[in-house]
Amino acid sequence: MRVPIADLAAQQAAVHDDLEAAFRRVVQSGRFILGPEVEAFEREVATLHGAVHAVGMSSGTDALLATLMALKVGPGDEVITTPLSFFATAGCIARLGARPVFADVDDDLLLDAGDALRRITPRTRAIVVVHLFGRVCDAPRSEVPVIEDAAQSIGAARVGKLGRAACLSFFPTKNLGALGDAGMVLTDDKDLGDRLRLLRAHGQRTRNHHEVLGGNFRLDALHAALLRAKLPHLRAWNERRMHNARLYDRLLAGTPLRLPRFRAGDVVHHYVVRANDRDALHEYLQKREIQTEVYYPIPLHRQPATAQDVSLPRAERAADEVLALPVHAELPEGAVEHVAAAIREHYGIRG
């Protein structure tokens, strides 16, 4: 049985008619950048998370970059974050001339709040917490502004309630995925929301009048319309992912794997186990046409572009052990059982 890590074709097929209607609506409207479709999508996602403001962005990366810009992060500043995340988390900090300061992760692979607090200096301008794999990270308690990198956790209960802003990604493989790149920032801060709208349009409120240096971070109307067509299905898709995760929990009990822990209100983006023999397990499953992925094989403080001479042993050990199993909403129970059976076989466990 071939088991893919994601099945976008199956997901799009299930909502094909709605996507086609959304496409036709935008083409006929003649409005392709921002406009009514984007405004409607912003309202709908704001309602989902109980946020006062939602600002559509061109990608999850640009959502994070614009938020850092809105908080006036720049050269000489420091921003504390986790080393176990997608590169954009640290890359956006470095692009502004600021220095990413990496704190280690805890046993759940989330930013260790205590370690983050110990790394605050007078130059610290923000803390970026990452809700990794759909698990919501507790924010360190301090006066330093907190930004939530919520790229993997749309629909989770506490998203947008732990910091000044929460940044979402609608990359195609996310729980709510566009047919391309798209993102959003949620905030209850009116001034921050206004500044984000300014920054996403080259710093202009009115045509040809540029108040500040911004960027082209605008959300396309087509992406917004297609995401609106999928949004009513998000809750069911998230529930299905959680169902598959709980099934893995039962079927993989008693194996040498360390299983992820999801708390009430979390969502499941990836089901990431930890294995002492990660590479051997990955190869074993690959030979059986079971696709797995490593998120993330190189911690950010060891990436050439953001390398630092700092020891973060828990993140470094995790990078050698993590392996994501297929858990997407289109995955039938039989496929989950097949994956679990192959893992138990790998470890010589019967039954």
Protein backbone atom coordinates (compact mmCIF):
# COMPACT_ATOMS: atom_id res chain seq x y z
CA MET A 1 0.00 0.00 0.00
CA ARG A 2 1.40 3.39 -1.00
CA VAL A 3 0.82 5.94 1.79
CA PRO A 4 1.70 9.58 0.96
CA ILE A 5 2.61 12.18 3.57
CA ALA A 6 -0.08 14.41 2.00
CA ASP A 7 -2.76 13.93 -0.65
CA LEU A 8 -3.64 17.33 -2.06
CA ALA A 9 -5.32 15.89 -5.15
CA ALA A 10 -7.82 14.00 -2.99
CA GLN A 11 -8.56 17.08 -0.91
CA GLN A 12 -9.11 19.32 -3.93
CA ALA A 13 -11.32 16.71 -5.58
CA ALA A 14 -13.62 16.69 -2.53
CA VAL A 15 -14.26 20.44 -2.87
CA HIS A 16 -13.78 20.77 -6.63
CA ASP A 17 -17.15 22.36 -7.40
CA ASP A 18 -16.75 24.97 -4.65
CA LEU A 19 -13.24 25.82 -5.85
CA GLU A 20 -14.42 26.15 -9.43
CA ALA A 21 -17.26 28.45 -8.40
CA ALA A 22 -14.84 30.62 -6.39
CA PHE A 23 -12.47 30.81 -9.36
CA ARG A 24 -15.24 31.90 -11.71
CA ARG A 25 -16.47 34.49 -9.21
CA VAL A 26 -13.06 36.16 -9.01
CA VAL A 27 -12.44 36.08 -12.76
CA GLN A 28 -15.80 37.68 -13.41
CA SER A 29 -15.27 40.34 -10.73
CA GLY A 30 -12.13 41.79 -12.28
CA ARG A 31 -10.64 42.34 -8.76
CA PHE A 32 -7.51 40.26 -8.36
CA ILE A 33 -5.48 41.85 -5.53
CA LEU A 34 -7.03 42.60 -2.11
CA GLY A 35 -10.65 43.73 -2.49
CA PRO A 36 -13.95 42.19 -1.28
CA GLU A 37 -12.83 38.54 -1.39
CA VAL A 38 -9.82 39.28 0.81
CA GLU A 39 -11.88 41.40 3.19
CA ALA A 40 -14.49 38.64 3.53
CA PHE A 41 -11.82 36.01 4.17
CA GLU A 42 -10.19 38.23 6.77
CA ARG A 43 -13.50 38.59 8.61
CA GLU A 44 -14.13 34.85 8.52
CA VAL A 45 -10.71 33.90 9.91
CA ALA A 46 -10.94 36.66 12.53
CA THR A 47 -14.28 35.18 13.64
CA LEU A 48 -12.78 31.68 13.74
CA HIS A 49 -10.10 32.79 16.20
CA GLY A 50 -11.99 35.54 17.98
CA ALA A 51 -9.53 38.16 16.75
CA VAL A 52 -10.34 41.84 16.32
CA HIS A 53 -8.20 42.26 13.22
CA ALA A 54 -7.06 39.89 10.47
CA VAL A 55 -4.70 41.13 7.78
CA GLY A 56 -4.25 38.99 4.68
CA MET A 57 -0.67 38.55 3.51
CA SER A 58 1.11 37.05 0.52
CA SER A 59 2.60 34.18 2.55
CA GLY A 60 3.20 32.97 6.08
CA THR A 61 6.79 34.17 5.75
CA ASP A 62 5.66 37.66 4.76
CA ALA A 63 3.15 37.66 7.61
CA LEU A 64 5.99 37.11 10.06
CA LEU A 65 8.31 39.57 8.30
CA ALA A 66 5.66 42.32 8.23
CA THR A 67 4.84 41.77 11.89
CA LEU A 68 8.48 42.17 12.87
CA MET A 69 8.63 45.30 10.71
CA ALA A 70 5.49 46.65 12.37
CA LEU A 71 7.17 46.23 15.76
CA LYS A 72 10.15 48.16 14.34
CA VAL A 73 12.64 45.33 14.72
CA GLY A 74 15.87 46.31 12.99
CA PRO A 75 19.68 46.33 13.04
CA GLY A 76 21.18 45.81 16.48
CA ASP A 77 18.01 44.29 17.92
CA GLU A 78 17.61 40.75 19.22
CA VAL A 79 14.63 38.45 18.80
CA ILE A 80 14.43 35.24 20.85
CA THR A 81 13.03 32.16 19.16
CA THR A 82 13.30 28.40 18.81
CA PRO A 83 15.95 26.58 16.77
CA LEU A 84 13.48 23.83 15.83
CA SER A 85 11.27 25.34 13.16
CA PHE A 86 11.08 26.07 9.44
CA PHE A 87 13.85 28.44 8.33
CA ALA A 88 11.52 31.43 7.85
CA THR A 89 11.14 31.82 11.62
CA ALA A 90 14.77 32.89 11.98
CA GLY A 91 15.26 34.08 8.41
CA CYS A 92 12.75 36.91 8.79
CA ILE A 93 14.57 38.17 11.87
CA ALA A 94 17.93 38.13 10.13
CA ARG A 95 16.57 39.81 6.98
CA LEU A 96 15.79 42.90 9.07
CA GLY A 97 19.35 43.08 10.36
CA ALA A 98 18.37 41.79 13.79
CA ARG A 99 19.96 38.83 15.53
CA PRO A 100 18.01 35.64 16.19
CA VAL A 101 18.71 34.48 19.73
CA PHE A 102 17.98 30.79 20.02
CA ALA A 103 16.63 29.20 23.20
CA ASP A 104 16.40 25.45 23.57
CA VAL A 105 13.22 23.39 23.25
CA ASP A 106 11.37 21.44 25.93
CA ASP A 107 10.35 17.77 25.93
CA ASP A 108 7.45 18.57 23.58
CA LEU A 109 9.83 20.23 21.09
CA LEU A 110 8.35 23.67 21.83
CA LEU A 111 10.29 26.75 22.93
CA ASP A 112 11.45 26.34 26.52
CA ALA A 113 9.91 29.40 28.20
CA GLY A 114 12.42 29.40 31.06
CA ASP A 115 15.39 29.27 28.72
CA ALA A 116 13.86 32.04 26.59
CA LEU A 117 13.45 34.31 29.62
CA ARG A 118 17.08 33.77 30.63
CA ARG A 119 18.21 35.07 27.23
CA ILE A 120 16.43 38.44 27.42
CA THR A 121 18.79 41.44 27.26
CA PRO A 122 18.23 45.20 26.87
CA ARG A 123 18.44 44.62 23.10
CA THR A 124 15.57 42.11 23.01
CA ARG A 125 12.70 43.51 20.94
CA ALA A 126 10.45 40.43 20.63
CA ILE A 127 10.02 36.73 21.31
CA VAL A 128 8.73 34.50 18.52
CA VAL A 129 7.08 31.33 19.79
CA VAL A 130 6.27 28.57 17.30
CA HIS A 131 3.15 26.42 17.62
CA LEU A 132 5.02 23.47 16.20
CA PHE A 133 3.11 20.71 14.39
CA GLY A 134 -0.21 22.16 15.65
CA ARG A 135 0.73 22.07 19.34
CA VAL A 136 0.27 25.47 20.95
CA CYS A 137 3.37 26.77 22.74
CA ASP A 138 2.99 28.57 26.07
CA ALA A 139 4.32 32.12 25.80
CA PRO A 140 7.04 33.30 28.20
CA ARG A 141 5.69 35.83 30.70
CA SER A 142 7.60 39.07 30.26
CA GLU A 143 7.21 42.66 29.07
CA VAL A 144 8.78 41.74 25.73
CA PRO A 145 6.23 41.54 22.89
CA VAL A 146 5.41 37.98 21.84
CA ILE A 147 4.71 36.99 18.24
CA GLU A 148 3.03 33.65 17.59
CA ASP A 149 4.34 31.77 14.58
CA ALA A 150 1.09 29.89 14.09
CA ALA A 151 1.82 28.72 10.56
CA GLN A 152 0.97 25.12 11.46
CA SER A 153 -1.92 25.65 13.87
CA ILE A 154 -4.94 27.32 12.29
CA GLY A 155 -8.04 26.30 14.23
CA ALA A 156 -6.20 25.67 17.51
CA ALA A 157 -8.05 27.14 20.46
CA ARG A 158 -5.47 29.57 21.86
CA VAL A 159 -3.99 30.89 18.64
CA GLY A 160 -3.97 34.69 18.68
CA LYS A 161 -4.46 34.91 22.44
CA LEU A 162 -0.87 34.52 23.64
CA GLY A 163 0.91 37.47 22.01
CA ARG A 164 0.62 40.76 20.18
CA ALA A 165 0.03 38.98 16.89
CA ALA A 166 -0.30 35.49 15.40
CA CYS A 167 1.02 34.70 11.93
CA LEU A 168 -0.75 32.09 9.80
CA SER A 169 0.38 30.28 6.68
CA PHE A 170 -1.86 28.86 3.97
CA PHE A 171 0.89 26.98 2.14
CA PRO A 172 -0.81 24.18 0.15
CA THR A 173 0.02 21.38 2.62
CA LYS A 174 -1.20 23.29 5.69
CA ASN A 175 -4.45 22.25 7.40
CA LEU A 176 -6.09 25.05 5.42
CA GLY A 177 -4.06 25.31 2.24
CA ALA A 178 -4.22 27.68 -0.70
CA LEU A 179 -3.37 26.70 -4.24
CA GLY A 180 -0.13 28.62 -3.86
CA ASP A 181 1.31 30.90 -1.18
CA ALA A 182 -0.84 32.96 1.19
CA GLY A 183 -0.78 34.06 4.81
CA MET A 184 -2.43 36.22 7.46
CA VAL A 185 -1.76 38.09 10.69
CA LEU A 186 -4.26 38.08 13.57
CA THR A 187 -4.14 40.77 16.24
CA ASP A 188 -6.36 42.51 18.78
CA ASP A 189 -4.16 45.61 18.59
CA LYS A 190 -5.79 48.24 16.36
CA ASP A 191 -2.62 50.25 15.83
CA LEU A 192 -0.68 47.12 14.91
CA GLY A 193 -3.41 46.02 12.50
CA ASP A 194 -3.43 49.43 10.81
CA ARG A 195 0.35 49.41 10.47
CA LEU A 196 0.31 45.92 8.96
CA ARG A 197 -2.18 47.05 6.31
CA LEU A 198 0.10 49.98 5.56
CA LEU A 199 3.23 47.86 5.33
CA ARG A 200 1.71 45.21 3.06
CA ALA A 201 1.06 47.80 0.34
CA HIS A 202 4.45 49.49 0.03
CA GLY A 203 3.62 51.80 2.93
CA GLN A 204 0.75 53.56 1.15
CA ARG A 205 -2.79 54.26 2.34
CA THR A 206 -3.72 56.30 -0.71
CA ARG A 207 -2.40 55.85 -4.21
CA ASN A 208 1.10 57.24 -4.83
CA HIS A 209 1.53 58.44 -1.23
CA HIS A 210 4.04 56.25 0.65
CA GLU A 211 4.29 56.98 4.36
CA VAL A 212 6.82 54.29 5.31
CA LEU A 213 8.98 51.64 3.68
CA GLY A 214 6.87 48.53 3.35
CA GLY A 215 6.68 45.68 0.90
CA ASN A 216 4.44 43.92 -1.59
CA PHE A 217 2.82 41.58 0.93
CA ARG A 218 -0.73 41.73 -0.44
CA LEU A 219 -3.04 38.71 -0.55
CA ASP A 220 -4.45 37.87 -3.97
CA ALA A 221 -8.23 37.77 -4.31
CA LEU A 222 -8.10 34.36 -6.00
CA HIS A 223 -6.27 32.75 -3.08
CA ALA A 224 -8.72 34.34 -0.64
CA ALA A 225 -11.72 33.06 -2.59
CA LEU A 226 -10.33 29.53 -2.85
CA LEU A 227 -9.51 29.51 0.86
CA ARG A 228 -13.03 30.74 1.64
CA ALA A 229 -14.36 27.73 -0.27
CA LYS A 230 -12.26 25.39 1.89
CA LEU A 231 -12.70 27.15 5.24
CA PRO A 232 -16.11 25.55 6.07
CA HIS A 233 -14.37 22.14 5.93
CA LEU A 234 -11.50 23.05 8.25
CA ARG A 235 -13.12 21.87 11.46
CA ALA A 236 -13.94 18.44 10.01
CA TRP A 237 -10.45 18.14 8.50
CA ASN A 238 -8.84 19.04 11.84
CA GLU A 239 -11.05 16.52 13.63
CA ARG A 240 -10.04 13.83 11.15
CA ARG A 241 -6.34 14.59 11.64
CA MET A 242 -6.81 14.34 15.41
CA HIS A 243 -8.71 11.06 14.97
CA ASN A 244 -5.78 9.64 12.99
CA ALA A 245 -3.32 10.88 15.61
CA ARG A 246 -5.25 9.20 18.42
CA LEU A 247 -5.35 6.00 16.38
CA TYR A 248 -1.56 6.14 16.05
CA ASP A 249 -1.34 6.70 19.82
CA ARG A 250 -3.13 3.39 20.43
CA LEU A 251 -1.45 1.37 17.69
CA LEU A 252 2.11 2.52 18.47
CA ALA A 253 1.86 2.09 22.23
CA GLY A 254 4.55 -0.33 23.40
CA THR A 255 6.99 0.53 20.60
CA PRO A 256 10.33 2.24 21.32
CA LEU A 257 9.02 5.46 19.74
CA ARG A 258 8.38 8.62 21.74
CA LEU A 259 4.94 9.78 20.68
CA PRO A 260 3.79 13.40 20.45
CA ARG A 261 1.48 14.85 23.08
CA PHE A 262 -1.46 16.98 21.98
CA ARG A 263 -3.34 19.00 24.56
CA ALA A 264 -7.01 19.99 24.52
CA GLY A 265 -7.46 22.74 21.97
CA ASP A 266 -4.44 21.77 19.87
CA VAL A 267 -4.71 20.70 16.25
CA VAL A 268 -2.62 18.12 14.41
CA HIS A 269 -0.53 19.37 11.51
CA HIS A 270 2.20 16.72 11.64
CA TYR A 271 2.33 13.56 13.74
CA VAL A 272 6.02 13.58 14.66
CA VAL A 273 7.52 10.67 16.55
CA ARG A 274 11.03 10.40 17.95
CA ALA A 275 13.15 7.35 17.19
CA ASN A 276 16.70 6.52 18.25
CA ASP A 277 17.09 4.77 14.89
CA ARG A 278 15.27 7.44 12.89
CA ASP A 279 17.18 6.99 9.62
CA ALA A 280 16.80 3.21 9.67
CA LEU A 281 13.07 3.50 10.37
CA HIS A 282 12.67 6.09 7.61
CA GLU A 283 14.43 3.80 5.12
CA TYR A 284 12.38 0.77 6.23
CA LEU A 285 9.09 2.60 5.70
CA GLN A 286 10.26 4.11 2.42
CA LYS A 287 10.89 0.62 1.01
CA ARG A 288 7.26 -0.18 1.84
CA GLU A 289 6.07 2.93 -0.02
CA ILE A 290 5.18 4.73 3.20
CA GLN A 291 6.26 8.32 2.87
CA THR A 292 7.70 10.07 5.92
CA GLU A 293 9.47 13.40 6.36
CA VAL A 294 12.01 14.86 8.77
CA TYR A 295 10.91 18.15 10.36
CA TYR A 296 13.58 19.44 10.90
CA PRO A 297 16.92 17.73 10.20
CA ILE A 298 19.14 20.76 10.93
CA PRO A 299 18.35 23.10 13.83
CA LEU A 300 18.43 26.77 12.90
CA HIS A 301 21.55 27.56 14.91
CA ARG A 302 23.38 25.02 12.74
CA GLN A 303 22.09 26.32 9.39
CA PRO A 304 24.85 28.11 7.43
CA ALA A 305 22.75 31.26 7.00
CA THR A 306 21.93 31.61 10.72
CA ALA A 307 24.78 29.66 12.33
CA GLN A 308 25.74 30.49 15.92
CA ASP A 309 28.26 29.02 18.31
CA VAL A 310 25.73 27.99 20.94
CA SER A 311 24.89 24.60 22.44
CA LEU A 312 21.20 23.66 22.45
CA PRO A 313 21.35 19.97 23.27
CA ARG A 314 17.64 19.17 23.34
CA ALA A 315 17.02 20.69 19.90
CA GLU A 316 20.15 19.04 18.49
CA ARG A 317 19.11 15.64 19.80
CA ALA A 318 15.57 16.08 18.51
CA ALA A 319 16.82 16.91 15.01
CA ASP A 320 18.46 13.46 14.92
CA GLU A 321 15.31 11.67 16.09
CA VAL A 322 12.18 13.32 14.64
CA LEU A 323 10.12 11.63 11.93
CA ALA A 324 6.69 12.73 10.65
CA LEU A 325 4.19 9.99 9.79
CA PRO A 326 1.27 10.48 7.37
CA VAL A 327 -1.71 11.92 9.29
CA HIS A 328 -3.59 14.07 6.75
CA ALA A 329 -7.38 14.30 6.74
CA GLU A 330 -7.73 12.18 3.58
CA LEU A 331 -5.90 9.25 5.18
CA PRO A 332 -8.25 6.29 5.84
CA GLU A 333 -8.01 4.26 9.05
CA GLY A 334 -6.71 1.29 7.08
CA ALA A 335 -3.70 3.31 5.97
CA VAL A 336 -2.95 4.39 9.56
CA GLU A 337 -3.17 0.76 10.64
CA HIS A 338 -0.87 -0.24 7.75
CA VAL A 339 1.76 2.34 8.79
CA ALA A 340 1.57 1.29 12.43
CA ALA A 341 1.86 -2.38 11.49
CA ALA A 342 4.97 -1.67 9.43
CA ILE A 343 6.55 0.18 12.36
CA ARG A 344 5.78 -2.63 14.76
CA GLU A 345 7.24 -5.07 12.24
CA HIS A 346 10.39 -2.96 12.03
CA TYR A 347 10.83 -3.32 15.78
CA GLY A 348 9.94 -7.01 15.78
CA ILE A 349 6.71 -6.52 17.76
CA ARG A 350 3.93 -8.99 17.04
CA GLY A 351 0.21 -8.28 17.26
